[in-house]
């Protein structure tokens, strides 16, 4: 028989779930790493308890989800100052970042790549501390050797953090140019990472106006599906690059009124995004433990329900299905 998971049960489950960042990916088989995580979070010295489910791997590299049988264990685990993953199958200790699971569409878990932009300009550890002071409402993971750090929180707070980093990167590149360092390279690097909003000085680009904005990927998918005209403009070219939970939207316009057309398109997208963030909710239905035939039957069942819930977006993945819509419709579906 099919495993039926209702949204109310998923909401209760989310309160018993934590997010783990800093899991050493690629060292061992996924099943072995999941077993190591289970052992770690069941141990009393780690304030752990009975583990109901381990979700690993996930869409985010080095990230796992641990669901406990008792919600009280979540609070105990979060109170522990530091979690060090230790096992005879690992060559060393691995520090883990443990945060509370967020289920709403306005919350994201992202990986910020700092190394390529800021290496040689500042000490990354100092930059992380500055980020924490700048964004106290966000949860920061452990800075990885490759310059990655997991950051979790509401999308507006994540967007503010990204804007802070872009401004900082821009100020660093401008400082280099004043010191006589090559000017084009930092500008080009800045544009390659998160599409910083700036104009080049060449005559060819002088008449073009380019802007970027960041959207939650679920918001972007919902907007593209149900509000496609928001992402269309006769006077501007609008494109998007999806990177995990964050989507970068690029708006480029040409002509005498390029700036006006670009700002108008950006404002329209931003207004729609804010409205959707206020009204949407996301529920994730796990498909783990089901056979391929059962998963296919589940997907077929949801497709048959789509006409009854025309404003609900289904995002199928191999291990789960994300359901995005208003709370009433998501719970109904």
Protein backbone atom coordinates (compact mmCIF):
# COMPACT_ATOMS: atom_id res chain seq x y z
CA UNK A 1 0.00 0.00 0.00
CA UNK A 2 1.07 3.58 -0.56
CA UNK A 3 2.62 5.53 2.25
CA UNK A 4 0.37 8.56 2.79
CA UNK A 5 2.06 11.57 4.37
CA UNK A 6 -0.21 14.49 5.17
CA UNK A 7 1.02 18.05 5.57
CA UNK A 8 0.01 18.24 9.23
CA UNK A 9 2.25 15.31 10.00
CA UNK A 10 5.06 16.90 8.00
CA UNK A 11 4.73 20.14 9.99
CA UNK A 12 4.98 18.18 13.26
CA UNK A 13 7.95 16.27 11.86
CA UNK A 14 9.76 19.49 10.97
CA UNK A 15 9.74 20.51 14.63
CA UNK A 16 11.66 17.32 15.41
CA UNK A 17 14.22 17.94 12.67
CA UNK A 18 17.61 19.67 12.66
CA UNK A 19 19.89 20.71 9.81
CA UNK A 20 23.51 19.54 9.85
CA UNK A 21 26.15 21.38 7.81
CA UNK A 22 29.81 20.49 7.49
CA UNK A 23 29.31 16.79 6.82
CA UNK A 24 32.48 15.57 5.04
CA UNK A 25 31.14 14.70 1.61
CA UNK A 26 32.77 12.18 -0.70
CA UNK A 27 34.93 10.45 1.90
CA UNK A 28 32.69 7.45 2.51
CA UNK A 29 29.62 5.87 0.99
CA UNK A 30 26.44 7.80 1.71
CA UNK A 31 24.95 4.94 3.73
CA UNK A 32 28.07 4.77 5.92
CA UNK A 33 28.04 8.51 6.55
CA UNK A 34 24.34 8.38 7.44
CA UNK A 35 25.14 5.62 9.94
CA UNK A 36 27.93 7.73 11.48
CA UNK A 37 25.56 10.68 11.84
CA UNK A 38 22.94 8.46 13.46
CA UNK A 39 25.43 7.20 16.03
CA UNK A 40 26.65 10.72 16.79
CA UNK A 41 23.20 12.14 17.44
CA UNK A 42 22.07 9.17 19.49
CA UNK A 43 24.95 9.50 21.97
CA UNK A 44 24.13 11.04 25.35
CA UNK A 45 27.43 12.95 25.43
CA UNK A 46 26.18 14.84 22.38
CA UNK A 47 22.83 15.55 24.09
CA UNK A 48 21.30 13.17 21.57
CA UNK A 49 18.39 10.75 21.61
CA UNK A 50 16.50 8.25 19.49
CA UNK A 51 16.83 9.10 15.79
CA UNK A 52 13.78 8.51 13.61
CA UNK A 53 15.30 9.36 10.23
CA UNK A 54 18.51 10.60 8.63
CA UNK A 55 18.24 12.34 5.26
CA UNK A 56 21.60 12.24 3.52
CA UNK A 57 22.76 13.18 0.96
CA UNK A 58 20.60 16.21 0.17
CA UNK A 59 20.52 18.82 -2.59
CA UNK A 60 23.12 20.82 -0.65
CA UNK A 61 26.63 19.38 -0.49
CA UNK A 62 27.72 18.51 3.05
CA UNK A 63 24.22 18.99 4.49
CA UNK A 64 22.05 16.39 6.24
CA UNK A 65 18.70 16.39 8.05
CA UNK A 66 18.24 14.50 11.32
CA UNK A 67 14.73 13.80 12.62
CA UNK A 68 14.35 12.69 16.24
CA UNK A 69 11.48 10.75 17.77
CA UNK A 70 11.13 13.36 20.53
CA UNK A 71 11.09 17.11 19.93
CA UNK A 72 12.82 17.69 23.29
CA UNK A 73 15.99 16.13 21.86
CA UNK A 74 16.17 18.93 19.30
CA UNK A 75 16.38 21.53 22.04
CA UNK A 76 19.08 19.55 23.87
CA UNK A 77 21.18 19.09 20.76
CA UNK A 78 20.96 22.78 19.90
CA UNK A 79 22.18 23.72 23.39
CA UNK A 80 25.47 21.84 22.95
CA UNK A 81 28.29 24.31 22.28
CA UNK A 82 30.10 22.24 19.66
CA UNK A 83 29.46 19.07 17.73
CA UNK A 84 32.55 17.19 16.52
CA UNK A 85 31.89 14.24 14.24
CA UNK A 86 34.18 11.42 15.36
CA UNK A 87 34.36 7.82 14.17
CA UNK A 88 37.05 5.23 13.55
CA UNK A 89 36.07 5.31 9.88
CA UNK A 90 37.03 9.01 9.70
CA UNK A 91 40.65 10.17 9.63
CA UNK A 92 40.02 13.18 11.89
CA UNK A 93 37.38 15.18 13.76
CA UNK A 94 34.91 17.18 11.68
CA UNK A 95 33.14 20.18 13.28
CA UNK A 96 29.43 20.30 12.48
CA UNK A 97 27.01 23.20 12.38
CA UNK A 98 23.63 22.32 13.88
CA UNK A 99 20.60 24.54 13.31
CA UNK A 100 16.84 24.26 13.58
CA UNK A 101 14.98 23.09 10.49
CA UNK A 102 12.95 25.79 8.70
CA UNK A 103 10.05 24.64 6.54
CA UNK A 104 8.64 27.83 5.04
CA UNK A 105 9.44 28.86 1.51
CA UNK A 106 10.99 32.10 2.79
CA UNK A 107 13.76 30.15 4.48
CA UNK A 108 16.73 28.71 2.69
CA UNK A 109 19.92 26.83 3.27
CA UNK A 110 22.60 28.08 0.94
CA UNK A 111 26.31 27.80 0.43
CA UNK A 112 28.19 31.06 0.05
CA UNK A 113 31.44 30.76 -1.87
CA UNK A 114 33.82 33.25 -0.30
CA UNK A 115 37.23 31.95 -1.29
CA UNK A 116 37.27 32.96 -4.95
CA UNK A 117 36.14 36.53 -4.32
CA UNK A 118 37.86 37.44 -1.07
CA UNK A 119 41.04 35.30 -1.02
CA UNK A 120 44.03 37.60 -0.92
CA UNK A 121 41.92 40.55 0.20
CA UNK A 122 41.08 39.61 3.77
CA UNK A 123 41.16 36.79 6.31
CA UNK A 124 38.09 34.65 5.69
CA UNK A 125 37.65 33.86 9.40
CA UNK A 126 37.50 37.59 10.15
CA UNK A 127 35.03 38.07 7.31
CA UNK A 128 32.75 35.38 8.75
CA UNK A 129 32.78 37.12 12.13
CA UNK A 130 31.87 40.36 10.40
CA UNK A 131 29.05 38.58 8.59
CA UNK A 132 27.71 37.26 11.90
CA UNK A 133 27.65 40.77 13.37
CA UNK A 134 26.03 42.11 10.21
CA UNK A 135 23.33 39.41 10.17
CA UNK A 136 22.61 38.26 13.75
CA UNK A 137 19.33 36.59 12.72
CA UNK A 138 21.09 34.09 10.46
CA UNK A 139 22.60 30.75 11.50
CA UNK A 140 26.15 30.21 10.23
CA UNK A 141 27.82 26.88 9.73
CA UNK A 142 31.50 26.02 9.85
CA UNK A 143 33.85 27.65 7.33
CA UNK A 144 35.14 24.88 5.08
CA UNK A 145 38.69 24.68 3.65
CA UNK A 146 37.37 25.42 0.14
CA UNK A 147 35.80 28.68 1.32
CA UNK A 148 32.22 27.42 1.62
CA UNK A 149 30.01 28.19 4.58
CA UNK A 150 26.40 27.13 5.11
CA UNK A 151 24.03 29.94 6.06
CA UNK A 152 20.40 29.44 7.05
CA UNK A 153 17.61 31.90 7.68
CA UNK A 154 14.83 33.91 6.10
CA UNK A 155 15.23 34.93 2.49
CA UNK A 156 15.14 38.70 3.20
CA UNK A 157 17.98 38.26 5.70
CA UNK A 158 19.96 36.17 3.21
CA UNK A 159 19.39 38.78 0.52
CA UNK A 160 20.65 41.52 2.85
CA UNK A 161 23.76 39.44 3.57
CA UNK A 162 24.46 38.95 -0.12
CA UNK A 163 24.09 42.68 -0.76
CA UNK A 164 26.55 43.33 2.06
CA UNK A 165 29.06 40.91 0.52
CA UNK A 166 28.67 42.40 -2.94
CA UNK A 167 29.30 45.89 -1.62
CA UNK A 168 32.31 44.67 0.31
CA UNK A 169 33.73 42.90 -2.74
CA UNK A 170 33.20 46.02 -4.82
CA UNK A 171 34.93 48.22 -2.25
CA UNK A 172 37.88 45.81 -2.13
CA UNK A 173 38.26 45.83 -5.90
CA UNK A 174 38.08 49.64 -5.96
CA UNK A 175 40.74 49.73 -3.25
CA UNK A 176 42.98 47.55 -5.41
CA UNK A 177 42.59 49.88 -8.36
CA UNK A 178 43.63 52.86 -6.24
CA UNK A 179 46.78 50.98 -5.24
CA UNK A 180 47.70 50.51 -8.87
CA UNK A 181 46.63 46.88 -9.23
CA UNK A 182 45.09 45.72 -12.54
CA UNK A 183 41.58 47.08 -12.74
CA UNK A 184 39.82 44.74 -15.14
CA UNK A 185 40.45 41.47 -13.34
CA UNK A 186 38.70 42.26 -10.04
CA UNK A 187 35.77 43.81 -11.92
CA UNK A 188 35.41 40.73 -14.08
CA UNK A 189 35.70 38.40 -11.08
CA UNK A 190 33.09 40.36 -9.19
CA UNK A 191 30.65 40.06 -12.06
CA UNK A 192 31.23 36.32 -12.32
CA UNK A 193 30.28 35.81 -8.68
CA UNK A 194 26.63 36.69 -8.06
CA UNK A 195 26.43 39.20 -10.88
CA UNK A 196 27.28 42.41 -9.06
CA UNK A 197 25.30 45.36 -10.43
CA UNK A 198 27.79 47.63 -12.14
CA UNK A 199 28.39 49.22 -15.54
CA UNK A 200 31.49 48.70 -17.63
CA UNK A 201 33.19 51.72 -19.13
CA UNK A 202 33.50 50.50 -22.74
CA UNK A 203 31.53 52.48 -25.38
CA UNK A 204 29.77 49.28 -26.45
CA UNK A 205 28.24 48.82 -22.99
CA UNK A 206 27.63 52.49 -22.26
CA UNK A 207 24.10 52.38 -23.72
CA UNK A 208 23.16 49.18 -21.90
CA UNK A 209 21.89 48.93 -18.35
CA UNK A 210 22.25 45.69 -16.39
CA UNK A 211 20.79 44.83 -13.01
CA UNK A 212 20.52 41.65 -10.97
CA UNK A 213 18.37 40.56 -8.08
CA UNK A 214 18.21 37.41 -5.98
CA UNK A 215 15.11 35.28 -5.53
CA UNK A 216 14.35 32.20 -3.51
CA UNK A 217 14.35 29.40 -6.08
CA UNK A 218 10.91 28.17 -4.98
CA UNK A 219 9.58 31.70 -5.39
CA UNK A 220 11.15 31.90 -8.85
CA UNK A 221 9.64 28.56 -9.96
CA UNK A 222 6.22 29.61 -8.66
CA UNK A 223 6.50 33.01 -10.36
CA UNK A 224 7.56 31.46 -13.66
CA UNK A 225 4.69 28.97 -13.53
CA UNK A 226 1.82 31.17 -12.32
CA UNK A 227 3.02 34.72 -13.02
CA UNK A 228 5.07 34.35 -16.21
CA UNK A 229 4.38 37.90 -17.42
CA UNK A 230 6.26 39.22 -14.39
CA UNK A 231 9.43 37.74 -15.86
CA UNK A 232 8.78 39.13 -19.33
CA UNK A 233 9.43 42.63 -20.69
CA UNK A 234 9.36 43.94 -24.25
CA UNK A 235 11.96 46.57 -23.41
CA UNK A 236 14.42 44.36 -21.49
CA UNK A 237 16.00 40.91 -21.63
CA UNK A 238 15.37 38.88 -18.47
CA UNK A 239 17.34 35.72 -17.75
CA UNK A 240 17.94 33.59 -14.67
CA UNK A 241 20.64 31.35 -13.23
CA UNK A 242 19.46 28.78 -10.67
CA UNK A 243 22.03 27.82 -8.04
CA UNK A 244 20.45 25.60 -5.42
CA UNK A 245 18.05 27.54 -3.21
CA UNK A 246 18.96 30.92 -4.70
CA UNK A 247 18.17 32.14 -8.23
CA UNK A 248 19.95 35.13 -9.73
CA UNK A 249 17.75 37.09 -12.14
CA UNK A 250 19.55 39.33 -14.65
CA UNK A 251 17.73 42.25 -16.29
CA UNK A 252 19.45 43.92 -19.24
CA UNK A 253 18.03 46.79 -21.25
CA UNK A 254 19.39 48.95 -24.08
CA UNK A 255 18.62 52.35 -25.52
CA UNK A 256 18.22 55.85 -24.18
CA UNK A 257 15.74 54.80 -21.52
CA UNK A 258 17.57 51.59 -20.62
CA UNK A 259 17.95 52.48 -16.94
CA UNK A 260 14.25 53.32 -16.62
CA UNK A 261 13.17 50.09 -18.34
CA UNK A 262 15.54 48.03 -16.21
CA UNK A 263 14.44 49.53 -12.91
CA UNK A 264 10.78 49.13 -13.85
CA UNK A 265 11.21 45.44 -14.63
CA UNK A 266 13.21 44.91 -11.44
CA UNK A 267 10.59 46.65 -9.30
CA UNK A 268 7.83 44.51 -10.83
CA UNK A 269 9.69 41.29 -10.03
CA UNK A 270 10.56 42.47 -6.51
CA UNK A 271 6.94 43.43 -5.74
CA UNK A 272 5.70 40.05 -6.94
CA UNK A 273 8.39 38.26 -4.92
CA UNK A 274 7.45 40.09 -1.71
CA UNK A 275 3.78 39.25 -2.22
CA UNK A 276 4.53 35.57 -2.83
CA UNK A 277 6.80 35.34 0.20
CA UNK A 278 3.95 36.53 2.38
CA UNK A 279 1.36 34.11 1.05
CA UNK A 280 3.23 30.90 0.15
CA UNK A 281 4.16 27.88 2.18
CA UNK A 282 6.23 24.84 1.29
CA UNK A 283 5.87 21.27 2.47
CA UNK A 284 8.36 18.54 1.61
CA UNK A 285 7.01 15.01 1.25
CA UNK A 286 9.70 12.38 1.59
CA UNK A 287 9.78 9.45 -0.83
CA UNK A 288 12.55 7.61 0.99
CA UNK A 289 11.73 4.00 1.79
CA UNK A 290 9.35 3.65 -1.14
CA UNK A 291 9.98 1.40 -4.11
CA UNK A 292 10.26 2.86 -7.59
CA UNK A 293 6.76 1.65 -8.40
CA UNK A 294 5.34 3.25 -5.23
CA UNK A 295 7.06 6.55 -6.01
CA UNK A 296 5.61 6.53 -9.50
CA UNK A 297 2.13 5.83 -8.12
CA UNK A 298 2.53 8.74 -5.69
CA UNK A 299 3.53 11.10 -8.47
CA UNK A 300 0.60 9.93 -10.57
CA UNK A 301 -1.76 10.48 -7.64
CA UNK A 302 -0.50 14.03 -7.16
CA UNK A 303 -0.82 14.76 -10.86
CA UNK A 304 -4.45 13.60 -10.73
CA UNK A 305 -5.07 16.01 -7.84
CA UNK A 306 -3.56 18.99 -9.70
CA UNK A 307 -6.84 20.08 -11.38
CA UNK A 308 -8.41 20.40 -7.91
CA UNK A 309 -5.54 22.63 -6.75
CA UNK A 310 -4.57 24.70 -9.81
CA UNK A 311 -2.49 27.20 -7.79
CA UNK A 312 -0.26 24.56 -6.16
CA UNK A 313 3.20 23.92 -7.61
CA UNK A 314 4.71 20.44 -7.42
CA UNK A 315 8.50 20.18 -7.65
CA UNK A 316 9.40 16.46 -7.93
CA UNK A 317 12.88 15.22 -6.99
CA UNK A 318 14.34 11.74 -6.67
CA UNK A 319 13.98 11.54 -2.89
CA UNK A 320 11.07 13.90 -2.23
CA UNK A 321 8.39 16.16 -3.66
CA UNK A 322 8.12 19.83 -2.70
CA UNK A 323 4.60 21.27 -2.58
CA UNK A 324 4.41 25.07 -2.83
CA UNK A 325 1.22 27.09 -2.47
CA UNK A 326 -0.98 28.91 0.00
CA UNK A 327 -1.28 27.24 3.41
CA UNK A 328 -4.90 26.22 2.79
CA UNK A 329 -4.15 24.60 -0.55
CA UNK A 330 -0.91 22.95 0.54
CA UNK A 331 -2.61 21.40 3.56
CA UNK A 332 -5.52 20.37 1.38
CA UNK A 333 -3.29 18.71 -1.17
